[in-house]
N, C-alpha and C. Protein backbone atom coordinates (compact mmCIF):
# COMPACT_ATOMS: atom_id res chain seq x y z
N MET A 1 3.23 -20.63 -135.60
CA MET A 1 4.20 -20.60 -134.53
C MET A 1 5.44 -21.38 -134.98
N TYR A 2 6.60 -20.90 -134.60
CA TYR A 2 7.85 -21.54 -134.95
C TYR A 2 8.64 -21.82 -133.69
N CYS A 3 9.59 -22.75 -133.80
CA CYS A 3 10.47 -23.04 -132.67
C CYS A 3 11.90 -23.03 -133.17
N ILE A 4 12.81 -22.94 -132.25
CA ILE A 4 14.22 -23.05 -132.56
C ILE A 4 14.70 -24.36 -131.96
N VAL A 5 15.22 -25.24 -132.77
CA VAL A 5 15.71 -26.52 -132.29
C VAL A 5 17.21 -26.40 -132.16
N LEU A 6 17.71 -26.69 -130.97
CA LEU A 6 19.11 -26.40 -130.67
C LEU A 6 19.96 -27.62 -130.40
N GLN A 7 19.51 -28.80 -130.75
CA GLN A 7 20.29 -30.01 -130.50
C GLN A 7 20.13 -30.95 -131.67
N ALA A 8 21.17 -31.67 -131.99
CA ALA A 8 21.06 -32.69 -133.03
C ALA A 8 20.05 -33.72 -132.58
N THR A 9 19.29 -34.26 -133.52
CA THR A 9 18.31 -35.28 -133.20
C THR A 9 18.66 -36.54 -133.98
N ILE A 10 18.03 -37.63 -133.60
CA ILE A 10 18.30 -38.91 -134.24
C ILE A 10 17.12 -39.28 -135.12
N ASP A 11 17.37 -39.59 -136.38
CA ASP A 11 16.35 -39.98 -137.34
C ASP A 11 15.81 -41.35 -136.96
N ARG A 12 14.48 -41.50 -136.84
CA ARG A 12 13.88 -42.79 -136.46
C ARG A 12 14.14 -43.88 -137.49
N SER A 13 14.20 -43.51 -138.76
CA SER A 13 14.38 -44.52 -139.80
C SER A 13 15.82 -45.03 -139.84
N ASN A 14 16.77 -44.25 -139.35
CA ASN A 14 18.17 -44.65 -139.32
C ASN A 14 18.79 -44.08 -138.04
N PRO A 15 18.72 -44.81 -136.90
CA PRO A 15 19.17 -44.27 -135.62
C PRO A 15 20.63 -43.87 -135.59
N ARG A 16 21.44 -44.35 -136.52
CA ARG A 16 22.86 -43.98 -136.52
C ARG A 16 23.12 -42.65 -137.20
N ARG A 17 22.15 -42.14 -137.92
CA ARG A 17 22.31 -40.89 -138.66
C ARG A 17 21.82 -39.72 -137.83
N GLN A 18 22.69 -38.78 -137.54
CA GLN A 18 22.27 -37.59 -136.82
C GLN A 18 21.75 -36.55 -137.80
N VAL A 19 20.68 -35.91 -137.44
CA VAL A 19 20.09 -34.86 -138.26
C VAL A 19 20.28 -33.55 -137.53
N GLU A 20 21.02 -32.64 -138.11
CA GLU A 20 21.19 -31.34 -137.49
C GLU A 20 19.93 -30.53 -137.70
N SER A 21 19.36 -30.03 -136.64
CA SER A 21 18.14 -29.24 -136.73
C SER A 21 18.40 -27.89 -136.10
N ARG A 22 18.67 -26.93 -136.92
CA ARG A 22 18.93 -25.58 -136.41
C ARG A 22 18.07 -24.61 -137.18
N GLY A 23 17.79 -23.50 -136.57
CA GLY A 23 17.00 -22.48 -137.23
C GLY A 23 15.52 -22.66 -136.98
N ARG A 24 14.72 -21.98 -137.80
CA ARG A 24 13.27 -21.99 -137.61
C ARG A 24 12.65 -23.21 -138.27
N GLU A 25 11.78 -23.87 -137.55
CA GLU A 25 11.01 -24.99 -138.07
C GLU A 25 9.58 -24.84 -137.58
N PRO A 26 8.62 -25.40 -138.31
CA PRO A 26 7.25 -25.35 -137.79
C PRO A 26 7.18 -26.05 -136.44
N PHE A 27 6.48 -25.45 -135.51
CA PHE A 27 6.33 -26.04 -134.18
C PHE A 27 5.41 -27.25 -134.29
N PRO A 28 5.81 -28.44 -133.78
CA PRO A 28 5.04 -29.67 -133.99
C PRO A 28 3.58 -29.57 -133.57
N GLN A 29 3.26 -28.93 -132.44
CA GLN A 29 1.87 -28.84 -131.99
C GLN A 29 1.05 -27.97 -132.94
N ALA A 30 1.67 -26.99 -133.56
CA ALA A 30 0.93 -26.08 -134.44
C ALA A 30 0.60 -26.75 -135.77
N THR A 31 1.49 -27.61 -136.27
CA THR A 31 1.28 -28.23 -137.57
C THR A 31 0.59 -29.57 -137.48
N GLY A 32 0.64 -30.19 -136.32
CA GLY A 32 0.05 -31.50 -136.14
C GLY A 32 0.92 -32.63 -136.62
N HIS A 33 2.10 -32.35 -137.22
CA HIS A 33 2.95 -33.44 -137.66
C HIS A 33 3.82 -33.92 -136.50
N ARG A 34 4.24 -35.17 -136.59
CA ARG A 34 5.07 -35.76 -135.55
C ARG A 34 6.53 -35.67 -135.99
N PRO A 35 7.40 -35.09 -135.17
CA PRO A 35 8.80 -34.99 -135.57
C PRO A 35 9.41 -36.37 -135.77
N GLN A 36 10.31 -36.48 -136.73
CA GLN A 36 10.95 -37.77 -137.02
C GLN A 36 12.20 -37.95 -136.18
N ALA A 37 12.08 -37.75 -134.89
CA ALA A 37 13.23 -37.91 -134.02
C ALA A 37 12.82 -38.69 -132.79
N THR A 38 13.74 -39.52 -132.30
CA THR A 38 13.45 -40.26 -131.08
C THR A 38 13.63 -39.35 -129.87
N HIS A 39 14.41 -38.30 -130.02
CA HIS A 39 14.67 -37.42 -128.89
C HIS A 39 15.10 -36.06 -129.41
N CYS A 40 14.42 -35.04 -128.97
CA CYS A 40 14.85 -33.68 -129.26
C CYS A 40 15.21 -33.07 -127.92
N SER A 41 16.48 -32.88 -127.70
CA SER A 41 16.93 -32.53 -126.37
C SER A 41 16.36 -31.22 -125.85
N LEU A 42 16.24 -30.24 -126.69
CA LEU A 42 15.75 -28.96 -126.20
C LEU A 42 15.10 -28.20 -127.33
N VAL A 43 13.86 -27.82 -127.14
CA VAL A 43 13.16 -27.00 -128.11
C VAL A 43 12.70 -25.74 -127.40
N LEU A 44 13.12 -24.59 -127.90
CA LEU A 44 12.71 -23.32 -127.31
C LEU A 44 11.73 -22.64 -128.25
N PRO A 45 10.53 -22.31 -127.80
CA PRO A 45 9.65 -21.51 -128.66
C PRO A 45 10.36 -20.22 -129.04
N HIS A 46 10.31 -19.87 -130.31
CA HIS A 46 11.04 -18.71 -130.80
C HIS A 46 10.67 -17.44 -130.04
N SER A 47 9.40 -17.29 -129.69
CA SER A 47 8.97 -16.07 -129.01
C SER A 47 9.56 -15.95 -127.61
N HIS A 48 10.05 -17.07 -127.03
CA HIS A 48 10.60 -17.04 -125.68
C HIS A 48 12.12 -17.04 -125.67
N SER A 49 12.75 -17.01 -126.83
CA SER A 49 14.20 -17.13 -126.87
C SER A 49 14.91 -15.85 -126.44
N ARG A 50 14.26 -14.71 -126.55
CA ARG A 50 14.92 -13.46 -126.15
C ARG A 50 14.95 -13.36 -124.63
N GLY A 51 16.08 -12.93 -124.10
CA GLY A 51 16.21 -12.75 -122.67
C GLY A 51 16.40 -14.05 -121.90
N SER A 52 16.62 -15.15 -122.61
CA SER A 52 16.83 -16.42 -121.94
C SER A 52 18.30 -16.59 -121.61
N PRO A 53 18.66 -17.62 -120.81
CA PRO A 53 20.08 -17.83 -120.54
C PRO A 53 20.85 -18.22 -121.78
N TYR A 54 20.16 -18.47 -122.90
CA TYR A 54 20.81 -18.87 -124.13
C TYR A 54 21.11 -17.70 -125.05
N THR A 55 20.74 -16.49 -124.65
CA THR A 55 20.98 -15.33 -125.49
C THR A 55 22.46 -15.26 -125.84
N GLY A 56 22.76 -15.10 -127.09
CA GLY A 56 24.15 -15.07 -127.55
C GLY A 56 24.66 -16.45 -127.93
N TYR A 57 23.86 -17.48 -127.66
CA TYR A 57 24.28 -18.84 -127.97
C TYR A 57 23.37 -19.50 -128.99
N MET A 58 22.53 -18.74 -129.64
CA MET A 58 21.53 -19.33 -130.52
C MET A 58 22.15 -20.08 -131.70
N ASP A 59 23.38 -19.76 -132.08
CA ASP A 59 24.02 -20.49 -133.16
C ASP A 59 24.92 -21.60 -132.63
N GLU A 60 24.92 -21.80 -131.32
CA GLU A 60 25.78 -22.80 -130.72
C GLU A 60 24.97 -24.02 -130.31
N GLN A 61 25.64 -25.09 -130.00
CA GLN A 61 24.99 -26.33 -129.59
C GLN A 61 24.66 -26.29 -128.11
N ILE A 62 23.49 -26.79 -127.77
CA ILE A 62 23.08 -26.91 -126.38
C ILE A 62 23.06 -28.38 -126.03
N THR A 63 23.69 -28.73 -124.94
CA THR A 63 23.68 -30.09 -124.45
C THR A 63 22.74 -30.14 -123.26
N PHE A 64 21.75 -31.02 -123.33
CA PHE A 64 20.74 -31.14 -122.28
C PHE A 64 21.04 -32.37 -121.44
N HIS A 65 20.99 -32.20 -120.11
CA HIS A 65 21.26 -33.29 -119.18
C HIS A 65 20.04 -33.52 -118.29
N SER A 66 19.56 -34.75 -118.22
CA SER A 66 18.52 -35.13 -117.25
C SER A 66 19.24 -35.89 -116.14
N LEU A 67 19.19 -35.33 -114.93
CA LEU A 67 19.93 -35.90 -113.82
C LEU A 67 19.01 -36.22 -112.65
N VAL A 68 19.47 -37.15 -111.83
CA VAL A 68 18.76 -37.49 -110.60
C VAL A 68 19.77 -37.40 -109.47
N ARG A 69 19.35 -36.82 -108.35
CA ARG A 69 20.25 -36.59 -107.21
C ARG A 69 19.59 -37.07 -105.93
N GLY A 70 20.41 -37.63 -105.04
CA GLY A 70 19.93 -38.10 -103.76
C GLY A 70 20.33 -37.13 -102.65
N VAL A 71 19.39 -36.78 -101.81
CA VAL A 71 19.65 -35.91 -100.66
C VAL A 71 19.64 -36.80 -99.42
N LEU A 72 20.82 -37.00 -98.85
CA LEU A 72 20.98 -37.83 -97.67
C LEU A 72 21.44 -36.95 -96.51
N VAL A 73 20.56 -36.78 -95.52
CA VAL A 73 20.88 -35.97 -94.34
C VAL A 73 20.87 -36.90 -93.13
N VAL A 74 22.02 -36.94 -92.43
CA VAL A 74 22.17 -37.76 -91.23
C VAL A 74 22.84 -36.91 -90.16
N GLN A 75 22.21 -36.81 -89.00
CA GLN A 75 22.78 -36.06 -87.87
C GLN A 75 23.23 -34.65 -88.28
N ASP A 76 22.36 -33.93 -88.98
CA ASP A 76 22.63 -32.56 -89.44
C ASP A 76 23.84 -32.45 -90.37
N HIS A 77 24.14 -33.51 -91.11
CA HIS A 77 25.18 -33.52 -92.13
C HIS A 77 24.55 -33.97 -93.45
N VAL A 78 25.06 -33.42 -94.55
CA VAL A 78 24.60 -33.81 -95.89
C VAL A 78 25.75 -34.51 -96.60
N LEU A 79 25.45 -35.63 -97.24
CA LEU A 79 26.46 -36.32 -98.02
C LEU A 79 26.57 -35.65 -99.38
N VAL A 80 27.79 -35.23 -99.75
CA VAL A 80 28.04 -34.63 -101.06
C VAL A 80 29.17 -35.37 -101.74
N ALA A 81 29.21 -35.26 -103.05
CA ALA A 81 30.29 -35.81 -103.85
C ALA A 81 31.18 -34.66 -104.30
N HIS A 82 32.44 -34.98 -104.51
CA HIS A 82 33.42 -33.98 -104.97
C HIS A 82 34.28 -34.63 -106.04
N GLU A 83 34.28 -34.02 -107.23
CA GLU A 83 35.18 -34.50 -108.28
C GLU A 83 36.58 -34.03 -107.94
N ILE A 84 37.51 -34.94 -107.82
CA ILE A 84 38.87 -34.61 -107.40
C ILE A 84 39.47 -33.60 -108.38
N GLY A 85 39.96 -32.50 -107.83
CA GLY A 85 40.53 -31.42 -108.62
C GLY A 85 39.56 -30.31 -108.94
N ALA A 86 38.27 -30.51 -108.72
CA ALA A 86 37.26 -29.48 -108.99
C ALA A 86 37.10 -28.59 -107.77
N ASP A 87 36.49 -27.43 -107.97
CA ASP A 87 36.31 -26.47 -106.87
C ASP A 87 34.88 -26.49 -106.32
N HIS A 88 34.10 -27.50 -106.66
CA HIS A 88 32.71 -27.54 -106.22
C HIS A 88 32.33 -28.95 -105.77
N THR A 89 31.17 -29.05 -105.15
CA THR A 89 30.61 -30.34 -104.75
C THR A 89 29.24 -30.49 -105.41
N PHE A 90 28.69 -31.69 -105.33
CA PHE A 90 27.36 -31.95 -105.89
C PHE A 90 26.75 -33.11 -105.11
N LEU A 91 25.46 -33.26 -105.23
CA LEU A 91 24.78 -34.35 -104.55
C LEU A 91 25.03 -35.66 -105.29
N PRO A 92 25.07 -36.79 -104.57
CA PRO A 92 25.27 -38.08 -105.24
C PRO A 92 24.16 -38.34 -106.26
N GLY A 93 24.52 -39.02 -107.32
CA GLY A 93 23.57 -39.32 -108.39
C GLY A 93 24.22 -39.11 -109.73
N GLY A 94 23.40 -38.96 -110.76
CA GLY A 94 23.96 -38.76 -112.09
C GLY A 94 22.90 -38.79 -113.17
N HIS A 95 23.33 -39.09 -114.37
CA HIS A 95 22.46 -39.03 -115.55
C HIS A 95 21.42 -40.14 -115.57
N ILE A 96 20.25 -39.77 -116.03
CA ILE A 96 19.18 -40.72 -116.28
C ILE A 96 19.37 -41.23 -117.70
N GLU A 97 19.43 -42.54 -117.86
CA GLU A 97 19.60 -43.11 -119.19
C GLU A 97 18.27 -43.17 -119.92
N ARG A 98 18.33 -43.17 -121.24
CA ARG A 98 17.13 -43.20 -122.06
C ARG A 98 16.25 -44.38 -121.68
N GLY A 99 14.97 -44.10 -121.42
CA GLY A 99 14.01 -45.13 -121.07
C GLY A 99 14.04 -45.53 -119.60
N GLU A 100 14.93 -44.96 -118.82
CA GLU A 100 15.08 -45.31 -117.40
C GLU A 100 14.21 -44.40 -116.54
N ARG A 101 13.56 -44.96 -115.56
CA ARG A 101 12.78 -44.15 -114.61
C ARG A 101 13.74 -43.49 -113.63
N ALA A 102 13.36 -42.33 -113.11
CA ALA A 102 14.24 -41.54 -112.25
C ALA A 102 14.68 -42.32 -111.02
N ALA A 103 13.76 -42.99 -110.33
CA ALA A 103 14.13 -43.73 -109.12
C ALA A 103 15.11 -44.85 -109.43
N ALA A 104 14.91 -45.54 -110.55
CA ALA A 104 15.82 -46.61 -110.96
C ALA A 104 17.20 -46.03 -111.29
N ALA A 105 17.23 -44.88 -111.92
CA ALA A 105 18.51 -44.23 -112.23
C ALA A 105 19.26 -43.86 -110.96
N LEU A 106 18.54 -43.38 -109.96
CA LEU A 106 19.21 -43.01 -108.71
C LEU A 106 19.78 -44.25 -108.02
N ARG A 107 19.02 -45.32 -107.98
CA ARG A 107 19.53 -46.56 -107.38
C ARG A 107 20.78 -47.05 -108.12
N ARG A 108 20.73 -47.00 -109.46
CA ARG A 108 21.89 -47.43 -110.26
C ARG A 108 23.11 -46.55 -110.01
N GLU A 109 22.91 -45.23 -110.01
CA GLU A 109 24.03 -44.30 -109.81
C GLU A 109 24.67 -44.46 -108.43
N ILE A 110 23.84 -44.60 -107.39
CA ILE A 110 24.38 -44.79 -106.04
C ILE A 110 25.15 -46.11 -105.96
N ALA A 111 24.62 -47.16 -106.60
CA ALA A 111 25.32 -48.45 -106.62
C ALA A 111 26.66 -48.32 -107.34
N GLU A 112 26.70 -47.58 -108.45
CA GLU A 112 27.95 -47.39 -109.18
C GLU A 112 28.95 -46.58 -108.37
N GLU A 113 28.49 -45.54 -107.70
CA GLU A 113 29.38 -44.64 -106.98
C GLU A 113 29.82 -45.18 -105.63
N LEU A 114 28.89 -45.84 -104.92
CA LEU A 114 29.16 -46.25 -103.54
C LEU A 114 29.07 -47.76 -103.31
N GLY A 115 28.49 -48.49 -104.25
CA GLY A 115 28.30 -49.91 -104.04
C GLY A 115 27.19 -50.21 -103.03
N LEU A 116 26.29 -49.28 -102.83
CA LEU A 116 25.22 -49.41 -101.84
C LEU A 116 23.87 -49.19 -102.51
N ARG A 117 22.82 -49.67 -101.85
CA ARG A 117 21.46 -49.50 -102.37
C ARG A 117 20.69 -48.53 -101.48
N PRO A 118 20.29 -47.40 -102.04
CA PRO A 118 19.55 -46.42 -101.23
C PRO A 118 18.07 -46.80 -101.11
N THR A 119 17.46 -46.34 -100.06
CA THR A 119 16.00 -46.38 -99.94
C THR A 119 15.51 -45.00 -100.32
N ILE A 120 14.66 -44.93 -101.32
CA ILE A 120 14.15 -43.64 -101.77
C ILE A 120 12.89 -43.33 -100.98
N ARG A 121 12.92 -42.21 -100.26
CA ARG A 121 11.81 -41.83 -99.38
C ARG A 121 10.74 -41.03 -100.10
N ARG A 122 11.17 -39.95 -100.80
CA ARG A 122 10.18 -39.12 -101.48
C ARG A 122 10.86 -38.18 -102.46
N PHE A 123 10.08 -37.74 -103.43
CA PHE A 123 10.52 -36.75 -104.41
C PHE A 123 10.49 -35.38 -103.75
N LEU A 124 11.58 -34.63 -103.85
CA LEU A 124 11.67 -33.31 -103.22
C LEU A 124 11.41 -32.17 -104.18
N GLY A 125 11.71 -32.36 -105.45
CA GLY A 125 11.53 -31.29 -106.43
C GLY A 125 12.58 -31.36 -107.51
N ALA A 126 12.67 -30.28 -108.27
CA ALA A 126 13.61 -30.22 -109.39
C ALA A 126 14.34 -28.88 -109.36
N VAL A 127 15.58 -28.91 -109.81
CA VAL A 127 16.38 -27.69 -109.93
C VAL A 127 16.92 -27.63 -111.34
N GLU A 128 16.73 -26.49 -111.99
CA GLU A 128 17.19 -26.27 -113.36
C GLU A 128 18.45 -25.42 -113.32
N HIS A 129 19.36 -25.68 -114.24
CA HIS A 129 20.62 -24.93 -114.27
C HIS A 129 21.14 -24.90 -115.71
N ALA A 130 21.65 -23.76 -116.13
CA ALA A 130 22.26 -23.62 -117.45
C ALA A 130 23.55 -22.83 -117.31
N TRP A 131 24.58 -23.22 -118.05
CA TRP A 131 25.84 -22.51 -118.01
C TRP A 131 26.58 -22.67 -119.33
N PRO A 132 27.28 -21.62 -119.75
CA PRO A 132 28.08 -21.72 -120.98
C PRO A 132 29.39 -22.44 -120.70
N LYS A 133 29.85 -23.19 -121.68
CA LYS A 133 31.17 -23.83 -121.60
C LYS A 133 31.75 -23.84 -122.99
N GLU A 134 32.76 -23.02 -123.20
CA GLU A 134 33.40 -22.83 -124.49
C GLU A 134 32.34 -22.41 -125.50
N THR A 135 32.12 -23.16 -126.56
CA THR A 135 31.13 -22.78 -127.58
C THR A 135 29.80 -23.48 -127.38
N ARG A 136 29.59 -24.11 -126.24
CA ARG A 136 28.37 -24.85 -125.95
C ARG A 136 27.64 -24.20 -124.78
N VAL A 137 26.39 -24.56 -124.67
CA VAL A 137 25.62 -24.24 -123.48
C VAL A 137 25.14 -25.56 -122.91
N ASN A 138 25.37 -25.76 -121.64
CA ASN A 138 24.87 -26.94 -120.95
C ASN A 138 23.61 -26.55 -120.20
N HIS A 139 22.62 -27.39 -120.27
CA HIS A 139 21.35 -27.14 -119.58
C HIS A 139 20.98 -28.44 -118.89
N GLU A 140 20.71 -28.37 -117.58
CA GLU A 140 20.37 -29.58 -116.86
C GLU A 140 19.14 -29.40 -116.00
N ILE A 141 18.42 -30.50 -115.86
CA ILE A 141 17.31 -30.61 -114.93
C ILE A 141 17.71 -31.67 -113.92
N ASN A 142 17.77 -31.31 -112.63
CA ASN A 142 18.11 -32.24 -111.56
C ASN A 142 16.84 -32.59 -110.80
N LEU A 143 16.48 -33.87 -110.79
CA LEU A 143 15.37 -34.35 -109.99
C LEU A 143 15.93 -34.80 -108.64
N LEU A 144 15.39 -34.25 -107.56
CA LEU A 144 15.92 -34.49 -106.22
C LEU A 144 15.02 -35.41 -105.42
N PHE A 145 15.64 -36.41 -104.78
CA PHE A 145 14.92 -37.36 -103.94
C PHE A 145 15.57 -37.43 -102.57
N GLU A 146 14.75 -37.49 -101.54
CA GLU A 146 15.25 -37.77 -100.20
C GLU A 146 15.56 -39.26 -100.15
N ILE A 147 16.76 -39.60 -99.66
CA ILE A 147 17.15 -41.01 -99.60
C ILE A 147 17.69 -41.35 -98.22
N GLU A 148 17.75 -42.64 -97.95
CA GLU A 148 18.43 -43.19 -96.77
C GLU A 148 19.33 -44.31 -97.26
N ILE A 149 20.49 -44.46 -96.60
CA ILE A 149 21.40 -45.56 -96.91
C ILE A 149 21.85 -46.14 -95.58
N ASP A 150 21.47 -47.36 -95.29
CA ASP A 150 21.84 -48.01 -94.04
C ASP A 150 23.35 -48.07 -93.87
N GLY A 151 23.80 -47.75 -92.66
CA GLY A 151 25.22 -47.87 -92.33
C GLY A 151 26.06 -46.65 -92.63
N LEU A 152 25.51 -45.63 -93.29
CA LEU A 152 26.29 -44.42 -93.57
C LEU A 152 26.02 -43.38 -92.49
N ASN A 153 27.07 -42.99 -91.79
CA ASN A 153 26.94 -42.00 -90.72
C ASN A 153 28.16 -41.09 -90.72
N PRO A 154 27.94 -39.80 -90.47
CA PRO A 154 29.09 -38.91 -90.33
C PRO A 154 29.82 -39.22 -89.03
N PRO A 155 31.04 -38.83 -88.88
CA PRO A 155 31.82 -37.98 -89.78
C PRO A 155 32.61 -38.75 -90.82
N ARG A 156 32.69 -40.08 -90.71
CA ARG A 156 33.51 -40.86 -91.64
C ARG A 156 32.83 -40.93 -93.01
N PRO A 157 33.46 -40.39 -94.05
CA PRO A 157 32.84 -40.43 -95.39
C PRO A 157 32.93 -41.84 -95.99
N PRO A 158 31.94 -42.20 -96.79
CA PRO A 158 32.00 -43.51 -97.44
C PRO A 158 33.06 -43.52 -98.55
N ALA A 159 33.56 -44.70 -98.83
CA ALA A 159 34.55 -44.85 -99.90
C ALA A 159 33.85 -44.82 -101.25
N SER A 160 34.49 -44.18 -102.21
CA SER A 160 33.96 -44.10 -103.57
C SER A 160 34.44 -45.30 -104.38
N ARG A 161 33.57 -45.79 -105.26
CA ARG A 161 33.95 -46.86 -106.19
C ARG A 161 34.46 -46.28 -107.50
N GLU A 162 34.39 -44.96 -107.63
CA GLU A 162 34.87 -44.29 -108.84
C GLU A 162 36.09 -43.46 -108.47
N PRO A 163 37.23 -43.67 -109.12
CA PRO A 163 38.48 -43.03 -108.70
C PRO A 163 38.51 -41.51 -108.83
N HIS A 164 37.63 -40.93 -109.62
CA HIS A 164 37.65 -39.47 -109.82
C HIS A 164 36.73 -38.73 -108.85
N ILE A 165 36.01 -39.48 -107.99
CA ILE A 165 35.05 -38.86 -107.06
C ILE A 165 35.38 -39.28 -105.63
N GLU A 166 35.22 -38.33 -104.71
CA GLU A 166 35.28 -38.63 -103.28
C GLU A 166 34.01 -38.12 -102.64
N PHE A 167 33.66 -38.66 -101.49
CA PHE A 167 32.45 -38.25 -100.78
C PHE A 167 32.83 -37.57 -99.49
N LEU A 168 32.01 -36.59 -99.11
CA LEU A 168 32.26 -35.80 -97.89
C LEU A 168 30.94 -35.60 -97.16
N TRP A 169 31.03 -35.53 -95.84
CA TRP A 169 29.88 -35.12 -95.03
C TRP A 169 30.06 -33.64 -94.74
N ILE A 170 29.08 -32.83 -95.04
CA ILE A 170 29.13 -31.38 -94.79
C ILE A 170 28.04 -31.04 -93.77
N GLU A 171 28.43 -30.33 -92.72
CA GLU A 171 27.45 -29.89 -91.73
C GLU A 171 26.48 -28.92 -92.40
N LEU A 172 25.20 -29.04 -92.08
CA LEU A 172 24.20 -28.17 -92.71
C LEU A 172 24.54 -26.69 -92.64
N PRO A 173 24.98 -26.15 -91.47
CA PRO A 173 25.30 -24.71 -91.44
C PRO A 173 26.48 -24.32 -92.34
N LYS A 174 27.31 -25.28 -92.72
CA LYS A 174 28.49 -24.99 -93.55
C LYS A 174 28.28 -25.34 -95.02
N LEU A 175 27.08 -25.74 -95.39
CA LEU A 175 26.82 -26.18 -96.75
C LEU A 175 27.06 -25.08 -97.78
N ALA A 176 26.76 -23.84 -97.43
CA ALA A 176 26.97 -22.73 -98.37
C ALA A 176 28.45 -22.58 -98.74
N MET A 177 29.35 -22.99 -97.88
CA MET A 177 30.79 -22.87 -98.16
C MET A 177 31.32 -24.03 -99.00
N ALA A 178 30.49 -25.04 -99.25
CA ALA A 178 30.94 -26.22 -100.00
C ALA A 178 30.82 -26.03 -101.51
N ASN A 179 30.36 -24.87 -101.96
CA ASN A 179 30.18 -24.59 -103.39
C ASN A 179 29.39 -25.70 -104.06
N LEU A 180 28.20 -25.98 -103.50
CA LEU A 180 27.33 -27.04 -103.99
C LEU A 180 26.71 -26.62 -105.32
N LYS A 181 26.83 -27.49 -106.32
CA LYS A 181 26.25 -27.25 -107.64
C LYS A 181 25.10 -28.21 -107.86
N PRO A 182 24.07 -27.87 -108.57
CA PRO A 182 23.89 -26.58 -109.20
C PRO A 182 23.49 -25.51 -108.19
N PRO A 183 23.75 -24.25 -108.54
CA PRO A 183 23.30 -23.18 -107.66
C PRO A 183 21.78 -23.24 -107.55
N GLY A 184 21.26 -22.81 -106.47
CA GLY A 184 19.82 -22.86 -106.27
C GLY A 184 19.41 -23.97 -105.33
N LEU A 185 20.33 -24.89 -105.03
CA LEU A 185 20.02 -25.93 -104.06
C LEU A 185 20.01 -25.40 -102.63
N ILE A 186 20.76 -24.33 -102.40
CA ILE A 186 20.85 -23.75 -101.07
C ILE A 186 20.21 -22.38 -101.09
N ARG A 187 19.33 -22.14 -100.15
CA ARG A 187 18.73 -20.81 -100.00
C ARG A 187 19.33 -20.13 -98.80
N SER A 188 19.64 -18.86 -98.96
CA SER A 188 20.23 -18.10 -97.85
C SER A 188 19.22 -17.84 -96.77
């Protein structure tokens, strides 16, 4: 069995040296050897590469994102973030750092964005999304958690601590018009 490795990896013996891994390589489980990388962002089994969202991008770089998002619903309103100048919204949260647990990442991201500490109620699920951007393909996994934040109530949006982001309360029936990303968060 072979796999296609689509992201640069980091050599364990020299973490500053990037090793480009492209093309066919023996699949680690089939050979029993341990890859010499601290992180392989995305490995696609070769037999599953046809008909995937990556078709046509096999010679291009794929950037993988592990994200955590908070779902805050108060009085039939959802708190969303909006990057100023963008045409879409997204749930508060952001990237999970290497070695960080998802819940800790969500608390950190909310503190960075809002200066507040959320109470994490429960894990809701995950949403996967992939999209091309220039010569790259971005692939993300969003882990969703139900959260509460004391003192936040619609209609007044909370102030952002990051100048490129603003927060909005969107009524649940109008959420489809907010162009919430990633797609798949809203079901018709």
